[in-house]
Protein backbone atom coordinates (compact mmCIF):
# COMPACT_ATOMS: atom_id res chain seq x y z
CA UNK A 1 -0.26 20.77 -17.76
CA UNK A 2 -2.38 18.62 -20.07
CA UNK A 3 -4.51 15.72 -18.87
CA UNK A 4 -2.04 13.25 -20.36
CA UNK A 5 0.85 15.02 -18.63
CA UNK A 6 -0.97 14.75 -15.30
CA UNK A 7 -1.72 11.06 -15.83
CA UNK A 8 1.96 10.42 -16.56
CA UNK A 9 3.13 12.45 -13.55
CA UNK A 10 0.79 10.82 -11.05
CA UNK A 11 0.86 7.42 -12.76
CA UNK A 12 4.63 7.09 -12.41
CA UNK A 13 4.51 8.12 -8.75
CA UNK A 14 1.63 5.74 -7.96
CA UNK A 15 3.25 2.82 -9.81
CA UNK A 16 6.50 3.36 -7.92
CA UNK A 17 4.75 3.39 -4.53
CA UNK A 18 2.53 0.42 -5.40
CA UNK A 19 5.49 -1.65 -6.58
CA UNK A 20 7.54 -0.78 -3.51
CA UNK A 21 4.75 -2.11 -1.29
CA UNK A 22 4.09 -5.30 -3.25
CA UNK A 23 1.03 -4.10 -5.21
CA UNK A 24 -1.62 -3.99 -2.45
CA UNK A 25 -3.95 -1.81 -4.61
CA UNK A 26 -4.97 -1.30 -8.21
CA UNK A 27 -2.89 1.60 -9.56
CA UNK A 28 -5.72 2.56 -11.92
CA UNK A 29 -7.93 3.27 -8.90
CA UNK A 30 -5.37 5.45 -7.13
CA UNK A 31 -4.58 7.41 -10.30
CA UNK A 32 -8.29 7.98 -11.00
CA UNK A 33 -8.81 9.19 -7.43
CA UNK A 34 -5.98 11.68 -7.87
CA UNK A 35 -7.58 12.95 -11.09
CA UNK A 36 -11.03 13.31 -9.54
CA UNK A 37 -9.94 14.85 -6.26
CA UNK A 38 -7.54 17.42 -7.74
CA UNK A 39 -9.50 18.29 -10.86
CA UNK A 40 -6.58 17.20 -13.03
CA UNK A 41 -4.05 18.82 -10.71
CA UNK A 42 -5.74 22.21 -10.66
CA UNK A 43 -7.20 22.19 -7.14
CA UNK A 44 -5.95 24.69 -4.57
CA UNK A 45 -4.87 21.88 -2.24
CA UNK A 46 -2.83 20.30 -5.02
CA UNK A 47 -1.12 23.52 -6.06
CA UNK A 48 -0.48 24.93 -2.57
CA UNK A 49 -0.18 21.83 -0.39
CA UNK A 50 0.85 19.00 -2.79
CA UNK A 51 -2.28 17.21 -1.56
CA UNK A 52 -3.20 14.69 -4.24
CA UNK A 53 -5.93 13.25 -1.99
CA UNK A 54 -8.22 15.12 0.37
CA UNK A 55 -7.13 13.37 3.55
CA UNK A 56 -8.34 15.26 6.58
CA UNK A 57 -5.88 16.26 9.29
CA UNK A 58 -7.21 14.71 12.49
CA UNK A 59 -5.64 15.23 15.90
CA UNK A 60 -3.30 12.28 15.25
CA UNK A 61 -1.72 14.00 12.23
CA UNK A 62 1.65 15.57 13.14
CA UNK A 63 2.55 17.02 9.73
CA UNK A 64 1.68 20.22 7.90
CA UNK A 65 -1.96 21.23 7.35
CA UNK A 66 -3.99 23.28 4.87
CA UNK A 67 -7.47 24.71 5.34
CA UNK A 68 -9.78 24.48 2.37
CA UNK A 69 -13.44 24.43 1.37
CA UNK A 70 -15.03 21.10 0.53
CA UNK A 71 -18.43 19.41 0.46
CA UNK A 72 -19.92 16.38 2.11
CA UNK A 73 -23.08 14.35 1.51
CA UNK A 74 -24.94 13.63 4.75
CA UNK A 75 -28.38 12.00 4.69
CA UNK A 76 -28.56 12.69 0.94
CA UNK A 77 -28.00 16.43 1.48
CA UNK A 78 -24.94 18.33 0.24
CA UNK A 79 -23.17 20.57 2.77
CA UNK A 80 -20.37 23.03 1.94
CA UNK A 81 -17.84 23.14 4.76
CA UNK A 82 -14.38 24.44 5.65
CA UNK A 83 -12.02 21.74 6.89
CA UNK A 84 -8.40 21.05 7.74
CA UNK A 85 -6.45 18.74 5.42
CA UNK A 86 -3.02 17.14 5.43
CA UNK A 87 -0.33 19.04 3.48
CA UNK A 88 2.92 17.66 2.05
CA UNK A 89 6.35 18.63 0.79
CA UNK A 90 5.90 16.71 -2.48
CA UNK A 91 3.41 14.76 -4.57
CA UNK A 92 5.28 11.53 -3.83
CA UNK A 93 4.96 12.18 -0.10
CA UNK A 94 1.21 12.68 -0.52
CA UNK A 95 0.85 9.42 -2.44
CA UNK A 96 2.94 7.54 0.12
CA UNK A 97 0.70 8.84 2.91
CA UNK A 98 -2.39 7.70 0.99
CA UNK A 99 -0.97 4.17 0.73
CA UNK A 100 -0.20 4.24 4.45
CA UNK A 101 -3.80 5.22 5.19
CA UNK A 102 -5.40 2.53 3.03
CA UNK A 103 -3.01 -0.33 3.84
CA UNK A 104 -2.70 0.28 7.58
CA UNK A 105 -6.28 1.17 8.55
CA UNK A 106 -8.55 -1.77 9.43
CA UNK A 107 -11.68 -0.33 7.83
CA UNK A 108 -9.97 -0.41 4.41
CA UNK A 109 -8.61 -3.96 4.71
CA UNK A 110 -11.07 -5.40 2.17
CA UNK A 111 -9.61 -3.09 -0.50
CA UNK A 112 -6.36 -5.06 -0.31
CA UNK A 113 -7.89 -8.41 -1.30
CA UNK A 114 -10.13 -7.46 -4.24
CA UNK A 115 -10.12 -8.94 -7.74
CA UNK A 116 -10.67 -5.86 -9.88
CA UNK A 117 -10.67 -2.06 -9.85
CA UNK A 118 -14.41 -1.66 -9.14
CA UNK A 119 -14.26 -3.98 -6.13
CA UNK A 120 -11.21 -2.08 -4.89
CA UNK A 121 -12.72 1.41 -5.06
CA UNK A 122 -16.03 0.12 -3.67
CA UNK A 123 -14.20 -1.28 -0.65
CA UNK A 124 -12.38 2.03 -0.18
CA UNK A 125 -15.66 3.96 -0.30
CA UNK A 126 -17.35 1.46 2.03
CA UNK A 127 -14.50 2.01 4.46
CA UNK A 128 -15.62 5.62 4.79
CA UNK A 129 -13.24 7.32 2.38
CA UNK A 130 -15.90 9.31 0.48
CA UNK A 131 -19.51 10.37 1.09
CA UNK A 132 -20.40 11.07 -2.55
CA UNK A 133 -22.94 8.35 -3.56
CA UNK A 134 -21.60 8.53 -7.14
CA UNK A 135 -17.95 8.24 -6.12
CA UNK A 136 -17.43 4.69 -7.38
CA UNK A 137 -19.08 5.38 -10.73
CA UNK A 138 -17.02 8.56 -11.18
CA UNK A 139 -13.77 6.70 -10.52
CA UNK A 140 -14.68 3.88 -12.89
CA UNK A 141 -15.67 6.38 -15.58
CA UNK A 142 -12.21 7.97 -15.37
CA UNK A 143 -10.48 4.57 -15.44
CA UNK A 144 -12.43 3.48 -18.52
CA UNK A 145 -12.32 6.85 -20.26
CA UNK A 146 -8.54 7.18 -20.03
CA UNK A 147 -7.59 3.49 -20.28
CA UNK A 148 -5.96 3.51 -16.84
CA UNK A 149 -6.44 -0.26 -16.61
CA UNK A 150 -3.24 -0.49 -18.67
CA UNK A 151 -1.33 0.35 -15.49
CA UNK A 152 -2.84 -2.72 -13.82
CA UNK A 153 -2.07 -5.00 -16.77
CA UNK A 154 1.55 -3.88 -16.77
CA UNK A 155 1.88 -4.63 -13.07
CA UNK A 156 0.45 -8.12 -13.47
CA UNK A 157 3.64 -9.01 -15.37
CA UNK A 158 6.04 -6.98 -13.25
CA UNK A 159 6.52 -8.77 -9.96
CA UNK A 160 8.63 -6.97 -7.40
CA UNK A 161 9.88 -10.30 -6.01
CA UNK A 162 10.42 -13.58 -7.80
CA UNK A 163 10.30 -17.19 -6.68
CA UNK A 164 13.68 -18.86 -6.83
CA UNK A 165 15.73 -15.71 -6.27
CA UNK A 166 17.86 -14.86 -3.25
CA UNK A 167 17.17 -11.82 -1.05
CA UNK A 168 18.77 -10.17 1.97
CA UNK A 169 17.01 -9.60 5.30
CA UNK A 170 16.96 -5.90 6.26
CA UNK A 171 16.50 -6.68 9.96
CA UNK A 172 16.55 -9.57 12.43
CA UNK A 173 13.53 -11.68 11.47
CA UNK A 174 11.36 -14.25 13.24
CA UNK A 175 10.82 -17.47 11.30
CA UNK A 176 7.22 -18.66 11.58
CA UNK A 177 5.50 -21.92 10.70
CA UNK A 178 3.03 -20.15 8.38
CA UNK A 179 2.41 -16.93 6.45
CA UNK A 180 1.00 -14.56 9.06
CA UNK A 181 1.56 -13.23 12.56
CA UNK A 182 -1.08 -15.62 13.88
CA UNK A 183 1.31 -18.54 13.23
CA UNK A 184 3.76 -19.42 15.99
CA UNK A 185 7.45 -18.61 15.82
CA UNK A 186 9.59 -21.68 15.27
CA UNK A 187 12.15 -22.99 17.74
CA UNK A 188 15.85 -22.78 16.82
CA UNK A 189 16.03 -26.56 16.39
CA UNK A 190 13.35 -26.41 13.66
CA UNK A 191 15.58 -24.39 11.32
CA UNK A 192 17.59 -25.95 8.50
CA UNK A 193 21.29 -26.45 9.14
CA UNK A 194 22.06 -23.34 7.12
CA UNK A 195 19.35 -21.45 9.00
CA UNK A 196 20.88 -22.45 12.33
CA UNK A 197 24.24 -21.00 11.22
CA UNK A 198 22.52 -17.65 10.58
CA UNK A 199 20.32 -17.64 13.67
CA UNK A 200 20.63 -14.86 16.22
CA UNK A 201 20.21 -17.28 19.14
CA UNK A 202 21.82 -20.67 18.52
CA UNK A 203 20.33 -22.60 21.40
CA UNK A 204 17.58 -25.21 21.66
CA UNK A 205 14.51 -23.67 23.24
CA UNK A 206 15.18 -20.24 21.78
CA UNK A 207 12.89 -18.65 19.22
CA UNK A 208 14.08 -18.86 15.62
CA UNK A 209 15.46 -15.44 14.63
CA UNK A 210 17.54 -15.02 11.48
CA UNK A 211 20.17 -12.28 11.62
CA UNK A 212 19.99 -9.03 9.68
CA UNK A 213 21.86 -9.48 6.38
CA UNK A 214 21.06 -13.20 6.07
CA UNK A 215 20.58 -14.30 2.45
CA UNK A 216 17.36 -16.28 1.99
CA UNK A 217 15.93 -18.12 -1.00
CA UNK A 218 12.30 -17.34 -1.88
CA UNK A 219 10.46 -20.63 -2.47
CA UNK A 220 6.98 -19.07 -2.59
CA UNK A 221 5.29 -15.68 -2.14
CA UNK A 222 2.06 -15.44 -0.15
CA UNK A 223 -0.18 -12.35 -0.16
CA UNK A 224 -1.95 -12.36 3.19
CA UNK A 225 -4.44 -9.45 3.42
CA UNK A 226 -2.10 -7.13 1.56
CA UNK A 227 1.00 -8.28 3.46
CA UNK A 228 3.65 -10.31 1.62
CA UNK A 229 5.37 -13.33 3.15
CA UNK A 230 8.22 -15.46 1.79
CA UNK A 231 8.37 -19.19 2.25
CA UNK A 232 12.05 -20.01 2.71
CA UNK A 233 13.72 -23.38 3.45
CA UNK A 234 13.44 -22.77 7.22
CA UNK A 235 9.83 -21.54 7.28
CA UNK A 236 8.12 -18.19 6.65
CA UNK A 237 9.41 -14.62 7.04
CA UNK A 238 7.64 -11.30 6.49
CA UNK A 239 8.64 -9.49 3.33
CA UNK A 240 6.19 -6.58 3.41
CA UNK A 241 4.07 -6.00 6.52
CA UNK A 242 1.84 -2.99 7.24
CA UNK A 243 3.62 -1.03 4.53
CA UNK A 244 7.14 -1.72 5.87
CA UNK A 245 9.63 -3.65 3.70
CA UNK A 246 11.82 -6.17 5.52
CA UNK A 247 13.63 -7.78 2.58
CA UNK A 248 15.97 -6.15 0.04
CA UNK A 249 15.70 -6.82 -3.66
């Protein structure tokens, strides 16, 4: 497999996962990490365990594992070690798990609200992802050397959701007064007339819950720390929260 073939293979998988989750990360960063950590797809973990990223298998990991040699930088000294890593059934599964790790772990939260690729990978490293002091520079060198920023430019013009369009709720959904779980859930009486017709509980004093399958109109899209919220006529509903999608295209 050539370098360009590997970029295309991983790039398509990363773009798909990033789009599905509402673009919480810069695809160029994730693709460059895959290149660096697999040696262009030639690492043992990649070939035998579909592991695009060297995510260690802690006691909380319930999936397959693979033991491999690696190195860590501790107090400016390099140590060669044997460690246990997560293994997968496919490359797409590996990439999906990476997105779960970054988007659902508090120490990586800053990576979801950055303005460019360097800020994104710096936040990921600062969160404890890598010990190599040159990790950020290596990732940026790959991004610049192989023009991976084109993936980010494409995504700027390819919104997964659009203002003004109608969407279907995949589950019963609370309607809040603002974009975020810190905002209170509205009362039934605060819904629009159409919202009241589609409410799960149609009584004053009950929390506002729209039924699964309700069609809502997106009036605005708010990115709140990597989570997407829709403003609809009745208030705010979660679209993408902690990696889980609640609204159908």
